[in-house]
N, C-alpha and C. Protein backbone atom coordinates (compact mmCIF):
# COMPACT_ATOMS: atom_id res chain seq x y z
N UNK A 1 5.18 -11.60 -20.16
CA UNK A 1 5.13 -11.10 -18.24
C UNK A 1 5.89 -9.67 -18.54
N UNK A 2 4.99 -9.52 -17.42
CA UNK A 2 5.39 -7.34 -17.29
C UNK A 2 6.37 -7.64 -16.12
N UNK A 3 7.28 -6.77 -15.71
CA UNK A 3 8.09 -6.34 -14.66
C UNK A 3 6.98 -4.70 -13.96
N UNK A 4 6.13 -5.18 -13.36
CA UNK A 4 5.34 -3.81 -12.37
C UNK A 4 5.67 -3.82 -11.29
N UNK A 5 6.12 -2.21 -11.49
CA UNK A 5 6.72 -1.38 -10.26
C UNK A 5 5.29 -0.66 -9.75
N UNK A 6 5.48 -1.18 -8.14
CA UNK A 6 4.49 -0.77 -7.08
C UNK A 6 5.06 1.16 -6.77
N UNK A 7 3.90 1.81 -7.08
CA UNK A 7 4.37 3.27 -5.94
C UNK A 7 3.48 3.69 -5.16
N UNK A 8 3.70 4.13 -4.06
CA UNK A 8 2.21 5.22 -3.42
C UNK A 8 2.95 6.49 -3.25
N UNK A 9 2.46 6.97 -4.00
CA UNK A 9 3.45 8.73 -3.99
C UNK A 9 4.16 8.60 -4.82
N UNK A 10 5.57 8.68 -4.70
CA UNK A 10 6.82 8.29 -5.35
C UNK A 10 7.77 7.43 -4.37
N UNK A 11 7.48 6.66 -3.67
CA UNK A 11 7.79 5.80 -2.79
C UNK A 11 7.22 4.33 -3.51
N UNK A 12 8.53 3.54 -4.17
CA UNK A 12 8.55 2.44 -4.15
C UNK A 12 8.32 1.03 -3.57
N UNK A 13 6.84 0.54 -3.21
CA UNK A 13 6.48 -0.15 -2.53
C UNK A 13 7.60 -2.09 -2.80
N UNK A 14 7.21 -1.89 -4.19
CA UNK A 14 7.12 -3.77 -4.37
C UNK A 14 7.26 -3.76 -6.20
N UNK A 15 8.58 -4.45 -6.60
CA UNK A 15 8.87 -4.74 -8.52
C UNK A 15 8.35 -6.34 -8.51
N UNK A 16 7.75 -6.84 -9.09
CA UNK A 16 6.85 -8.16 -9.39
C UNK A 16 7.45 -8.37 -10.71
N UNK A 17 6.82 -9.56 -11.33
CA UNK A 17 7.02 -10.13 -13.04
C UNK A 17 6.06 -10.97 -12.67
N UNK A 18 4.89 -10.02 -13.50
CA UNK A 18 3.30 -10.45 -13.39
C UNK A 18 3.11 -11.19 -14.81
N UNK A 19 2.15 -11.95 -14.94
CA UNK A 19 1.82 -11.96 -16.47
C UNK A 19 0.43 -11.39 -16.74
N UNK A 20 -0.15 -10.81 -15.69
CA UNK A 20 -1.10 -10.41 -16.32
C UNK A 20 -0.99 -8.72 -15.70
N UNK A 21 -1.57 -7.22 -15.83
CA UNK A 21 -0.80 -5.95 -15.32
C UNK A 21 -2.33 -5.81 -14.58
N UNK A 22 -2.16 -5.38 -13.35
CA UNK A 22 -3.39 -5.07 -12.16
C UNK A 22 -4.31 -3.40 -13.26
N UNK A 23 -5.57 -3.84 -13.35
CA UNK A 23 -6.68 -3.24 -13.21
C UNK A 23 -6.76 -1.82 -12.83
N UNK A 24 -7.56 -0.86 -13.09
CA UNK A 24 -7.44 0.78 -12.53
C UNK A 24 -8.93 0.28 -11.49
N UNK A 25 -8.51 0.71 -10.07
CA UNK A 25 -9.90 0.43 -9.00
C UNK A 25 -9.61 -1.15 -8.50
N UNK A 26 -9.10 -1.60 -8.64
CA UNK A 26 -8.38 -3.31 -8.63
C UNK A 26 -7.86 -3.10 -7.04
N UNK A 27 -8.64 -4.02 -6.24
CA UNK A 27 -7.87 -4.48 -4.76
C UNK A 27 -7.03 -5.85 -4.51
N UNK A 28 -5.71 -4.99 -4.10
CA UNK A 28 -4.94 -5.87 -3.48
C UNK A 28 -4.42 -5.40 -2.00
N UNK A 29 -2.92 -6.48 -2.31
CA UNK A 29 -2.28 -6.09 -0.60
C UNK A 29 -1.32 -6.20 -1.20
N UNK A 30 -0.24 -5.40 -0.54
CA UNK A 30 1.09 -5.15 -0.65
C UNK A 30 1.47 -4.86 0.97
N UNK A 31 2.72 -5.95 0.98
CA UNK A 31 2.91 -6.11 2.47
C UNK A 31 2.18 -6.16 3.07
N UNK A 32 1.07 -6.41 3.55
CA UNK A 32 0.43 -6.71 4.59
C UNK A 32 -0.57 -5.72 4.69
N UNK A 33 -0.69 -4.80 3.59
CA UNK A 33 -1.36 -3.07 3.69
C UNK A 33 -2.63 -3.25 2.47
N UNK A 34 -3.67 -2.76 2.65
CA UNK A 34 -4.84 -2.77 1.90
C UNK A 34 -4.52 -1.93 1.08
N UNK A 35 -4.53 -2.17 -0.24
CA UNK A 35 -4.61 -0.69 -1.03
C UNK A 35 -5.45 -1.12 -2.39
N UNK A 36 -5.75 0.88 -3.01
CA UNK A 36 -6.69 0.33 -4.43
C UNK A 36 -5.81 1.01 -5.50
N UNK A 37 -4.96 0.09 -6.78
CA UNK A 37 -4.75 0.55 -8.27
C UNK A 37 -5.39 2.25 -8.03
N UNK A 38 -4.70 3.00 -8.64
CA UNK A 38 -5.40 4.82 -8.46
C UNK A 38 -4.74 4.90 -10.12
N UNK A 39 -3.57 4.29 -10.50
CA UNK A 39 -3.54 4.85 -11.93
C UNK A 39 -2.43 3.55 -12.57
N UNK A 40 -2.53 3.48 -13.79
CA UNK A 40 -1.70 2.31 -14.60
C UNK A 40 -0.98 3.34 -15.90
N UNK A 41 0.73 3.17 -15.74
CA UNK A 41 1.24 3.97 -16.66
C UNK A 41 2.19 2.44 -17.44
N UNK A 42 2.45 2.72 -18.81
CA UNK A 42 3.04 1.38 -19.19
C UNK A 42 4.08 2.41 -19.63
N UNK A 43 5.79 1.78 -19.37
CA UNK A 43 6.35 2.92 -19.76
C UNK A 43 7.07 1.93 -21.16
N UNK A 44 7.45 0.66 -21.23
CA UNK A 44 7.19 0.04 -22.52
C UNK A 44 7.09 -0.90 -22.57
N UNK A 45 7.38 -2.14 -23.37
CA UNK A 45 6.50 -3.41 -23.36
C UNK A 45 6.18 -4.00 -22.16
N UNK A 46 7.88 -3.98 -21.91
CA UNK A 46 8.13 -5.19 -20.71
C UNK A 46 7.13 -4.17 -19.51
N UNK A 47 7.72 -2.91 -18.84
CA UNK A 47 7.75 -2.54 -17.84
C UNK A 47 6.00 -1.45 -17.64
N UNK A 48 6.00 -1.55 -16.77
CA UNK A 48 4.55 -0.56 -16.41
C UNK A 48 4.87 -0.19 -15.22
N UNK A 49 4.48 0.66 -14.71
CA UNK A 49 4.40 1.87 -13.34
C UNK A 49 2.80 1.36 -12.83
N UNK A 50 2.48 1.10 -11.11
CA UNK A 50 1.36 1.20 -10.88
C UNK A 50 1.24 1.75 -9.51
N UNK A 51 0.04 3.66 -9.81
CA UNK A 51 0.10 3.87 -8.53
C UNK A 51 -0.74 3.14 -7.53
N UNK A 52 -0.47 3.14 -6.37
CA UNK A 52 -1.46 2.56 -5.08
C UNK A 52 -1.41 3.68 -4.23
N UNK A 53 -2.94 3.83 -4.27
CA UNK A 53 -3.54 4.13 -2.80
C UNK A 53 -3.47 3.47 -1.68
N UNK A 54 -2.87 3.29 -0.34
CA UNK A 54 -3.02 2.52 0.26
C UNK A 54 -3.89 3.40 1.38
N UNK A 55 -4.27 2.17 2.40
CA UNK A 55 -5.25 2.77 3.17
C UNK A 55 -3.85 3.17 4.66
N UNK A 56 -4.69 4.08 5.49
CA UNK A 56 -3.89 5.04 6.31
C UNK A 56 -3.86 3.84 7.77
N UNK A 57 -2.62 3.47 7.92
CA UNK A 57 -2.50 2.54 9.29
C UNK A 57 -3.26 3.68 11.05
N UNK A 58 -4.14 2.77 11.34
CA UNK A 58 -4.61 3.67 12.41
C UNK A 58 -4.51 2.72 13.50
N UNK A 59 -3.44 3.84 14.49
CA UNK A 59 -2.82 3.19 15.60
C UNK A 59 -3.80 3.29 17.07
N UNK A 60 -3.53 2.83 17.74
CA UNK A 60 -4.64 2.73 19.02
C UNK A 60 -3.93 3.34 19.92
N UNK A 61 -4.33 4.11 21.03
CA UNK A 61 -3.38 5.00 21.73
C UNK A 61 -3.55 3.65 23.39
N UNK A 62 -2.72 3.37 24.09
CA UNK A 62 -2.98 2.92 25.36
C UNK A 62 -4.26 3.66 26.12
N UNK A 63 -4.71 2.60 26.89
CA UNK A 63 -6.05 3.23 27.76
C UNK A 63 -5.17 3.67 29.19
N UNK A 64 -5.42 4.61 29.34
CA UNK A 64 -4.65 5.38 30.43
C UNK A 64 -5.76 4.88 31.73
N UNK A 65 -5.22 4.33 32.53
CA UNK A 65 -6.49 3.41 34.10
C UNK A 65 -6.25 5.01 34.90
N UNK A 66 -6.87 5.98 35.05
CA UNK A 66 -7.05 6.67 36.27
C UNK A 66 -7.75 6.52 37.45
N UNK A 67 -8.18 5.16 37.96
CA UNK A 67 -8.66 5.13 38.96
C UNK A 67 -8.10 5.03 40.27
N UNK A 68 -6.64 4.43 39.44
CA UNK A 68 -5.62 4.00 40.61
C UNK A 68 -5.07 5.71 41.10
N UNK A 69 -5.25 5.76 42.38
CA UNK A 69 -4.43 6.68 43.64
C UNK A 69 -2.75 7.04 43.44
N UNK A 70 -2.82 7.99 43.17
CA UNK A 70 -1.19 7.68 43.40
C UNK A 70 -0.27 8.21 44.95
N UNK A 71 0.39 7.13 45.03
CA UNK A 71 0.70 7.63 46.36
C UNK A 71 2.22 8.80 46.40
N UNK A 72 1.44 8.68 48.31
CA UNK A 72 2.37 10.77 48.38
C UNK A 72 3.34 10.40 49.40
């Protein structure tokens, strides 16, 4: 069993107790966001730090309806 810490840059996203360590390039989902493992650093026998590259969230702007005329 390994304690796996998932980081996005320097931000801790998640820490889990896992039976196996994720491999570099593996796709995973953390807190509903898709990401890919970029690096795995073994700290000691039990602790592992995993760097994750998350996909950026695309926010859609609301559509403005300009067909309505303003009242004067």
